[in-house]
Protein backbone atom coordinates (compact mmCIF):
# COMPACT_ATOMS: atom_id res chain seq x y z
CA MET A 1 129.68 102.27 30.94
CA SER A 2 126.47 103.07 29.07
CA GLY A 3 123.38 101.26 27.86
CA PRO A 4 120.68 99.23 29.62
CA LEU A 5 123.07 97.59 32.10
CA ALA A 6 124.38 100.95 33.23
CA GLU A 7 120.84 102.21 33.68
CA VAL A 8 119.96 99.18 35.81
CA LEU A 9 123.04 99.61 37.98
CA ASP A 10 122.41 103.32 38.36
CA GLY A 11 118.79 102.67 39.33
CA GLN A 12 119.87 100.10 41.93
CA ARG A 13 122.45 102.50 43.37
CA GLN A 14 119.82 105.24 43.66
CA ALA A 15 117.35 102.84 45.32
CA ASP A 16 119.99 101.74 47.86
CA LEU A 17 120.92 105.35 48.58
CA GLN A 18 117.28 106.23 49.14
CA LYS A 19 116.78 103.23 51.43
CA ALA A 20 119.84 104.23 53.48
CA ALA A 21 118.67 107.84 53.79
CA ARG A 22 115.19 106.81 54.90
CA ALA A 23 116.67 104.42 57.49
CA LEU A 24 118.70 107.26 58.99
CA LEU A 25 115.67 109.53 59.13
CA LYS A 26 113.67 106.85 60.97
CA GLU A 27 116.52 105.64 63.19
CA PRO A 28 119.32 108.22 63.43
CA LEU A 29 121.44 105.72 65.38
CA LEU A 30 122.02 102.44 63.50
CA THR A 31 124.26 99.64 64.72
CA ALA A 32 125.99 96.84 62.83
CA ASP A 33 124.20 94.10 64.79
CA GLY A 34 120.92 95.91 65.45
CA PRO A 35 117.47 95.38 63.91
CA TYR A 36 118.47 97.52 60.90
CA ALA A 37 121.78 95.82 60.12
CA ASP A 38 121.06 95.68 56.36
CA GLU A 39 120.31 99.41 56.28
CA PHE A 40 123.47 100.06 58.33
CA ARG A 41 125.57 98.37 55.63
CA LEU A 42 123.89 100.52 52.97
CA VAL A 43 124.66 103.66 55.00
CA ARG A 44 128.31 102.61 55.26
CA ARG A 45 128.43 101.97 51.51
CA HIS A 46 126.98 105.40 50.65
CA ALA A 47 128.39 107.28 53.63
CA ALA A 48 130.26 109.91 51.63
CA GLU A 49 127.26 110.89 49.51
CA LEU A 50 124.87 110.87 52.47
CA ARG A 51 127.26 112.92 54.59
CA GLU A 52 127.58 115.55 51.89
CA TRP A 53 123.79 115.78 51.35
CA PHE A 54 122.85 116.09 55.02
CA GLU A 55 125.63 118.56 55.75
CA ARG A 56 124.76 120.81 52.81
CA ASN A 57 120.95 120.73 53.04
CA VAL A 58 120.13 120.41 56.74
CA GLY A 59 123.39 120.92 58.62
CA TRP A 60 123.31 117.46 60.21
CA ALA A 61 126.62 115.65 60.69
CA LEU A 62 126.84 111.95 59.85
CA ARG A 63 129.41 109.82 61.66
CA THR A 64 130.04 106.22 60.69
CA ASP A 65 132.42 103.52 61.89
CA ALA A 66 132.47 99.74 61.99
CA ASP A 67 129.99 99.59 64.89
CA ALA A 68 127.46 102.36 64.30
CA ALA A 69 126.18 105.13 62.08
CA ARG A 70 124.93 108.28 63.80
CA LEU A 71 123.04 111.11 62.10
CA ARG A 72 123.11 114.05 64.51
CA LYS A 73 119.62 115.38 63.84
CA THR A 74 118.30 118.59 65.31
CA PRO A 75 114.66 119.50 64.71
CA GLY A 76 113.50 122.39 62.58
CA THR A 77 111.07 123.44 65.32
CA LEU A 78 112.58 123.44 68.81
CA THR A 79 109.28 124.02 70.59
CA ASP A 80 107.44 120.96 69.25
CA ALA A 81 106.97 118.44 72.08
CA THR A 82 104.53 116.16 70.25
CA HIS A 83 107.06 113.48 69.24
CA PRO A 84 108.63 112.25 72.51
CA ALA A 85 110.82 109.20 73.06
CA ARG A 86 108.71 106.14 73.69
CA GLU A 87 109.03 102.94 75.68
CA ALA A 88 110.73 100.11 73.80
CA ALA A 89 107.74 97.90 74.54
CA ARG A 90 104.44 97.08 72.90
CA SER A 91 102.67 99.85 74.83
CA ALA A 92 105.12 102.47 73.40
CA LEU A 93 104.07 104.96 76.07
CA PRO A 94 105.74 108.39 75.78
CA PHE A 95 108.61 109.26 78.09
CA THR A 96 107.77 111.54 81.00
CA ARG A 97 109.93 114.41 82.27
CA ARG A 98 111.22 112.16 85.04
CA ARG A 99 112.31 109.50 82.55
CA TYR A 100 114.14 112.06 80.43
CA VAL A 101 116.06 113.22 83.50
CA LEU A 102 116.74 109.60 84.43
CA LEU A 103 118.01 108.93 80.89
CA CYS A 104 120.50 111.80 81.13
CA LEU A 105 121.73 110.67 84.54
CA ALA A 106 122.11 107.08 83.33
CA LEU A 107 124.11 108.17 80.27
CA ALA A 108 126.40 110.29 82.44
CA ALA A 109 126.95 107.35 84.79
CA LEU A 110 127.68 104.98 81.90
CA GLU A 111 130.16 107.44 80.42
CA ARG A 112 132.15 107.45 83.67
CA GLY A 113 131.76 103.74 84.40
CA GLU A 114 133.35 100.46 83.38
CA SER A 115 132.79 98.44 80.22
CA GLN A 116 130.31 96.25 82.10
CA VAL A 117 127.71 97.37 84.59
CA ALA A 118 124.98 95.76 86.67
CA LEU A 119 121.60 97.48 86.75
CA GLY A 120 121.74 97.69 90.56
CA ARG A 121 125.13 99.42 90.38
CA LEU A 122 123.84 101.80 87.72
CA ALA A 123 120.88 102.62 89.96
CA GLU A 124 123.23 103.52 92.83
CA GLN A 125 125.17 105.90 90.60
CA VAL A 126 121.95 107.51 89.36
CA VAL A 127 120.69 108.06 92.91
CA LEU A 128 124.03 109.64 93.83
CA ALA A 129 123.90 111.99 90.82
CA ALA A 130 120.27 112.86 91.53
CA ALA A 131 121.33 114.39 94.84
CA ASP A 132 122.62 117.40 92.91
CA PRO A 133 121.14 120.50 94.61
CA GLU A 134 119.87 121.93 91.30
CA LEU A 135 117.89 118.77 90.58
CA VAL A 136 116.50 118.71 94.11
CA ALA A 137 115.51 122.38 93.77
CA ALA A 138 113.72 121.51 90.50
CA GLY A 139 111.65 118.89 92.33
CA ILE A 140 113.44 115.89 90.79
CA THR A 141 114.27 113.13 93.27
CA PHE A 142 115.16 109.48 92.75
CA THR A 143 115.55 106.94 95.51
CA LEU A 144 114.71 103.93 93.30
CA GLU A 145 113.24 102.30 96.40
CA ARG A 146 109.70 102.32 95.04
CA ARG A 147 108.51 99.99 92.29
CA ASP A 148 107.35 102.82 90.00
CA GLU A 149 110.83 104.39 90.17
CA ARG A 150 112.46 101.08 89.28
CA LEU A 151 110.01 100.77 86.39
CA ASP A 152 111.19 104.17 85.16
CA LEU A 153 114.83 103.01 85.24
CA ALA A 154 113.92 99.75 83.49
CA ALA A 155 112.18 101.74 80.73
CA VAL A 156 115.30 103.87 80.26
CA VAL A 157 117.55 100.81 80.12
CA ARG A 158 115.30 99.10 77.57
CA LEU A 159 115.50 102.19 75.37
CA LEU A 160 119.31 102.04 75.58
CA LEU A 161 119.17 98.33 74.71
CA ARG A 162 117.08 99.09 71.63
CA LEU A 163 119.48 101.82 70.57
CA GLY A 164 122.44 99.48 70.98
CA VAL A 165 124.16 101.46 73.74
CA LEU A 166 123.82 98.45 76.08
CA ARG A 167 123.96 94.74 75.39
CA ARG A 168 122.34 92.40 77.92
CA VAL A 169 124.69 89.68 79.22
CA ALA A 170 122.56 88.02 81.88
CA GLY A 171 119.32 88.58 83.79
CA ASP A 172 116.26 90.63 82.91
CA GLU A 173 114.79 93.95 83.98
CA ASP A 174 111.57 92.45 85.36
CA ALA A 175 113.58 90.64 88.04
CA TYR A 176 115.23 93.93 89.04
CA VAL A 177 111.89 95.75 89.21
CA SER A 178 110.41 93.07 91.47
CA GLY A 179 113.54 93.01 93.64
CA ALA A 180 114.25 89.35 92.79
CA GLY A 181 117.48 89.76 90.81
CA ASP A 182 119.85 91.94 88.86
CA VAL A 183 120.95 92.38 85.23
CA LEU A 184 124.45 92.61 83.72
CA TYR A 185 125.17 94.65 80.60
CA ASP A 186 128.06 95.32 78.25
CA VAL A 187 128.47 99.05 77.64
CA ARG A 188 129.20 99.79 73.98
CA ARG A 189 131.29 102.90 74.34
CA ARG A 190 131.55 103.82 70.67
CA VAL A 191 127.76 103.82 70.38
CA LEU A 192 127.40 105.65 73.69
CA ALA A 193 129.75 108.38 72.45
CA GLY A 194 127.40 109.04 69.53
CA MET A 195 124.32 109.71 71.66
CA PRO A 196 124.57 113.53 72.13
CA ALA A 197 123.19 115.40 69.12
CA SER A 198 123.81 118.97 70.25
CA LEU A 199 126.51 121.06 68.59
CA ARG A 200 127.64 122.43 71.92
CA GLY A 201 128.06 120.60 75.20
CA PRO A 202 125.56 121.54 77.93
CA SER A 203 128.39 122.70 80.20
CA MET A 204 129.41 125.26 77.52
CA VAL A 205 125.97 126.87 77.41
CA GLU A 206 125.68 130.11 79.36
CA ALA A 207 121.97 130.90 78.92
CA GLU A 208 119.69 130.31 81.92
CA GLY A 209 116.20 129.77 80.45
CA PHE A 210 115.20 126.44 78.89
CA GLU A 211 114.35 127.83 75.43
CA GLU A 212 117.50 129.96 75.36
CA ARG A 213 119.68 127.01 76.38
CA LEU A 214 118.09 124.81 73.73
CA THR A 215 118.70 127.45 71.06
CA GLU A 216 122.32 127.90 72.14
CA MET A 217 122.96 124.14 72.13
CA THR A 218 121.76 123.80 68.53
CA ALA A 219 123.05 127.07 67.04
CA ARG A 220 126.04 126.57 64.78
CA THR A 221 127.56 130.00 64.05
CA ALA A 222 126.83 133.68 64.36
CA LEU A 223 124.69 134.69 61.36
CA ASP A 224 126.70 137.77 60.39
CA SER A 225 126.30 137.59 56.61
CA ASP A 226 123.46 137.15 54.12
CA GLU A 227 124.92 133.86 52.95
CA LEU A 228 124.87 132.40 56.48
CA ARG A 229 121.37 133.70 57.14
CA PHE A 230 120.04 132.18 53.89
CA ARG A 231 121.79 128.90 54.69
CA ALA A 232 120.21 128.82 58.17
CA ILE A 233 116.77 129.43 56.64
CA ARG A 234 117.31 126.67 54.06
CA TRP A 235 118.37 124.25 56.78
CA LYS A 236 115.34 125.02 58.93
CA LEU A 237 112.85 124.69 56.06
CA THR A 238 114.37 121.42 54.87
CA ARG A 239 114.42 120.02 58.41
CA VAL A 240 110.73 120.83 58.86
CA LEU A 241 109.82 119.29 55.50
CA LEU A 242 111.77 116.13 56.35
CA ASP A 243 110.57 115.73 59.93
CA ASP A 244 107.09 117.26 60.20
CA PRO A 245 103.88 116.08 58.53
CA VAL A 246 103.09 119.50 57.08
CA LEU A 247 104.67 122.96 56.86
CA TYR A 248 102.20 125.86 57.15
CA TYR A 249 103.11 129.20 55.65
CA ASP A 250 101.59 131.11 58.58
CA ASP A 251 104.07 129.44 60.95
CA LEU A 252 107.00 131.04 59.09
CA THR A 253 108.62 134.42 59.51
CA ASP A 254 108.52 136.88 56.62
CA ASP A 255 112.12 136.06 55.66
CA GLU A 256 111.48 132.30 55.77
CA LEU A 257 108.31 132.62 53.69
CA ALA A 258 110.08 134.78 51.10
CA TYR A 259 112.94 132.30 50.83
CA LEU A 260 110.57 129.32 50.55
CA THR A 261 108.57 131.10 47.84
CA ARG A 262 111.74 131.54 45.78
CA GLN A 263 113.35 128.16 46.48
CA ARG A 264 110.38 125.81 47.04
CA GLY A 265 110.90 123.87 43.81
CA PHE A 266 114.62 123.39 44.43
CA ILE A 267 114.18 122.33 48.09
CA THR A 268 111.37 119.85 47.46
CA ALA A 269 113.15 118.37 44.41
CA ARG A 270 116.27 117.74 46.49
CA ILE A 271 114.21 116.01 49.21
CA ASN A 272 112.32 113.94 46.63
CA GLU A 273 115.56 112.83 44.99
CA LEU A 274 117.05 111.56 48.27
CA THR A 275 114.00 110.17 50.07
CA GLY A 276 111.21 109.58 47.56
CA LEU A 277 108.86 111.93 49.45
CA VAL A 278 106.46 113.67 47.06
CA PRO A 279 105.60 117.37 47.57
CA GLU A 280 101.93 118.31 47.87
CA VAL A 281 101.71 122.10 47.59
CA ARG A 282 98.55 123.88 48.73
CA ALA A 283 97.58 127.48 49.34
CA GLU A 284 98.20 127.06 53.08
CA GLY A 285 101.49 125.14 53.01
CA VAL A 286 103.49 122.16 51.84
CA ALA A 287 103.37 118.50 52.86
CA MET A 288 105.90 115.89 51.77
CA VAL A 289 103.75 112.81 51.19
CA ASP A 290 105.37 109.41 51.76
CA PRO A 291 104.21 106.85 49.16
CA LEU A 292 105.67 104.03 51.30
CA ASP A 293 103.86 105.30 54.43
CA ASP A 294 106.52 104.16 56.89
CA LEU A 295 108.51 107.33 57.55
CA THR A 296 106.50 108.36 60.60
CA ASP A 297 106.17 107.70 64.32
CA VAL A 298 102.48 108.71 64.39
CA ARG A 299 100.22 106.85 62.00
CA MET A 300 96.79 107.87 60.73
CA PRO A 301 94.58 106.14 59.78
CA GLU A 302 95.41 103.38 62.22
CA GLN A 303 93.87 100.08 63.18
CA GLY A 304 92.04 99.59 66.46
CA THR A 305 89.52 101.42 68.58
CA HIS A 306 91.60 104.54 69.17
CA GLY A 307 92.42 104.81 65.48
CA HIS A 308 88.72 104.56 64.63
CA ILE A 309 87.72 107.20 67.19
CA THR A 310 90.50 109.53 66.03
CA LEU A 311 89.28 109.18 62.47
CA LEU A 312 85.66 109.91 63.43
CA LEU A 313 86.65 112.96 65.50
CA ALA A 314 88.85 114.19 62.64
CA GLY A 315 85.83 114.15 60.38
CA HIS A 316 83.77 115.97 63.02
CA LEU A 317 86.45 118.64 63.49
CA ALA A 318 86.92 119.05 59.73
CA ARG A 319 83.26 120.03 59.42
CA ALA A 320 83.37 122.42 62.39
CA THR A 321 83.07 126.13 61.66
CA GLY A 322 85.14 127.25 64.65
CA PRO A 323 86.96 126.10 67.80
CA VAL A 324 85.54 123.04 69.53
CA GLU A 325 85.80 122.45 73.27
CA PRO A 326 87.15 119.04 74.40
CA GLU A 327 83.94 118.60 76.42
CA GLU A 328 81.94 118.90 73.21
CA LEU A 329 84.14 116.25 71.62
CA ALA A 330 83.53 113.98 74.63
CA VAL A 331 79.79 114.33 74.06
CA ARG A 332 80.36 113.46 70.41
CA VAL A 333 82.30 110.34 71.41
CA ARG A 334 79.34 109.24 73.56
CA GLU A 335 77.07 109.69 70.54
CA LEU A 336 79.49 107.77 68.34
CA ALA A 337 79.64 104.96 70.90
CA ALA A 338 75.93 104.42 70.47
CA GLU A 339 76.40 104.15 66.71
CA HIS A 340 79.78 102.42 66.37
CA GLY A 341 80.43 100.97 69.82
CA GLY A 342 79.89 97.46 68.51
CA PHE A 343 83.22 97.82 66.71
CA TRP A 344 85.10 99.21 69.76
CA SER A 345 86.84 97.57 72.68
CA LYS A 346 84.76 97.05 75.82
CA SER A 347 86.65 99.65 77.87
CA ALA A 348 86.03 102.34 75.23
CA ARG A 349 82.27 101.78 75.50
CA GLU A 350 82.23 102.31 79.28
CA PRO A 351 80.58 105.57 80.45
CA GLY A 352 83.24 108.01 81.64
CA ALA A 353 85.90 106.84 79.17
CA GLU A 354 85.20 109.74 76.79
CA PRO A 355 87.72 112.33 78.12
CA GLU A 356 90.63 109.89 77.86
CA LEU A 357 89.57 108.82 74.36
CA VAL A 358 89.32 112.48 73.28
CA GLU A 359 92.75 113.25 74.77
CA LYS A 360 94.39 110.37 72.89
CA ALA A 361 92.75 111.44 69.63
CA LEU A 362 93.74 115.10 70.08
CA THR A 363 97.33 114.15 70.93
CA LYS A 364 97.58 112.41 67.59
CA LEU A 365 95.83 115.14 65.59
CA VAL A 366 98.06 117.84 67.09
CA ALA A 367 101.22 115.77 66.47
CA LEU A 368 100.22 115.39 62.82
CA GLY A 369 99.58 119.12 62.39
CA LEU A 370 95.89 118.51 61.77
CA ALA A 371 94.61 120.50 64.77
CA GLU A 372 95.91 122.79 67.49
CA ARG A 373 94.89 123.48 71.06
CA THR A 374 94.09 127.10 71.84
CA GLU A 375 92.49 128.98 74.72
CA ARG A 376 89.26 129.00 72.70
CA GLY A 377 89.30 125.23 72.22
CA VAL A 378 90.54 122.83 69.56
CA VAL A 379 91.00 124.52 66.19
CA PRO A 380 91.20 122.44 62.99
CA ARG A 381 94.15 123.22 60.72
CA PRO A 382 93.91 123.28 56.91
CA ALA A 383 95.37 119.79 56.32
CA LEU A 384 92.45 118.32 58.27
CA ALA A 385 90.23 119.09 55.27
CA ARG A 386 91.40 115.87 53.65
CA TYR A 387 89.44 114.04 56.34
CA ALA A 388 86.19 115.89 55.59
CA VAL A 389 84.58 112.70 54.44
CA GLY A 390 80.95 111.70 54.72
CA GLU A 391 79.35 110.17 57.78
CA PRO A 392 80.32 106.51 58.25
CA VAL A 393 77.56 104.12 57.22
CA VAL A 394 77.03 100.47 58.05
CA ARG A 395 76.59 98.28 55.02
CA GLU A 396 74.28 95.35 55.08
CA PRO A 397 76.40 92.22 55.38
CA GLU A 398 76.74 89.91 52.47
CA PRO A 399 75.69 86.32 53.17
CA GLY A 400 78.31 84.63 55.29
CA ARG A 401 80.18 87.87 56.10
CA ALA A 402 80.18 90.08 59.20
CA ARG A 403 78.71 93.58 59.37
CA ARG A 404 81.22 96.29 58.78
CA PRO A 405 81.19 100.08 58.62
CA ALA A 406 82.39 101.98 55.60
CA THR A 407 83.26 105.61 55.01
CA THR A 408 82.15 107.50 51.93
CA ALA A 409 84.09 110.44 50.55
CA LYS A 410 82.61 113.68 49.30
CA THR A 411 85.87 114.94 47.88
CA ALA A 412 87.14 114.13 44.43
CA THR A 413 90.91 114.55 44.34
CA THR A 414 93.04 111.47 43.97
CA ALA A 415 94.89 112.01 47.25
CA GLN A 416 91.73 112.55 49.25
CA THR A 417 90.06 109.56 47.67
CA ALA A 418 93.05 107.44 48.60
CA LYS A 419 92.88 108.72 52.18
CA ALA A 420 89.20 107.94 52.39
CA ALA A 421 89.85 104.44 51.11
CA LYS A 422 92.53 103.93 53.75
CA ALA A 423 90.22 105.36 56.38
CA ALA A 424 87.52 102.88 55.41
CA GLN A 425 90.10 100.09 55.65
CA ALA A 426 91.05 101.22 59.15
CA VAL A 427 87.39 101.26 60.16
CA GLN A 428 86.98 97.76 58.81
CA ASN A 429 89.95 96.52 60.82
CA THR A 430 88.46 97.66 64.14
CA GLN A 431 86.04 94.76 64.13
CA ASP A 432 89.01 92.48 64.87
CA GLU A 433 89.12 93.87 68.42
CA ARG A 434 85.65 92.80 69.34
């Protein structure tokens, strides 16, 4: 078939393929009756093409069946801890070490259990497994007798509910936490079987140290030929470009940098074709910019008080000539409170709140690759330069409209101007919290 109709159909097929790929990158585990059911059907429709692309370019296996689609992602950087699992609640607090351990114990108990399980019964099995001498020696204990421990288990279960591993039959977790009731779940075994993403089972790993065990769990083959070594480099670079906000050249080894220099155009074109991400190449590195702005778990600019403070501190750091101590940033937040506090929540204006506000802002900036913590203090990274905008100013309100701050940009490039405009929009939105 040729002509306009064929072009329309081909364009629709490409759009559906791109939508399916982006859904897998955001949610590597999709279920047929989950919140992304439409995307799941697209993944099933284009499974062969998606499987071939991910296997060839990043080494990720894609498994699909009638119930679920699972992309077994492994990160390009194994040492990055800035994107943890988060609570499946509005607060979206990051998982702690204890909750990660609890998640593993719960999955092991579910794997050995029946097709239905009560939360109280699951808790008993977790407590029994937690008595393992190695866990006790590591300082991990669970009795689930205290409320905070039951809250941890409830958070783990809610994550499994969101992923589709469990389906609630009766009851609710709040009743269990308060000791007033129990909850019954169906265990979806086919989805549960897709949870592990490692290429090698933990029991098959012989290394002792954490980093060595992690490397062994994700390593595919011995790299005993140039072809395998080049393939491993290509996989790592593509994984970083897909998953991380920015790739800096000075984070790469000599071999990786040489390969990227030769193959940058090919790699970024392949990513753009599948996902729609647009490469932005600078002297310091490469960022794959998302025109749809939804392929991320950390958003900036962002509405609300914390988003506003993060934006203001980003501008302050971008103009810094060297490392900045967190204490200095706390002083800056106090100064900013005097100027912009009218747009912030009440708790953020309280004296003594500055260290926590700085910590939340730095957590986001580090996760986005815009800054790094060092022994000398917080060091801005090159991508932060796009936030080197002018000092926020307060415009005189028009008749009948509220006062609002605005941010002016000194830079002239299209991308930076767009960022500044979005930053100003985020600043404007903070007044809704007052």
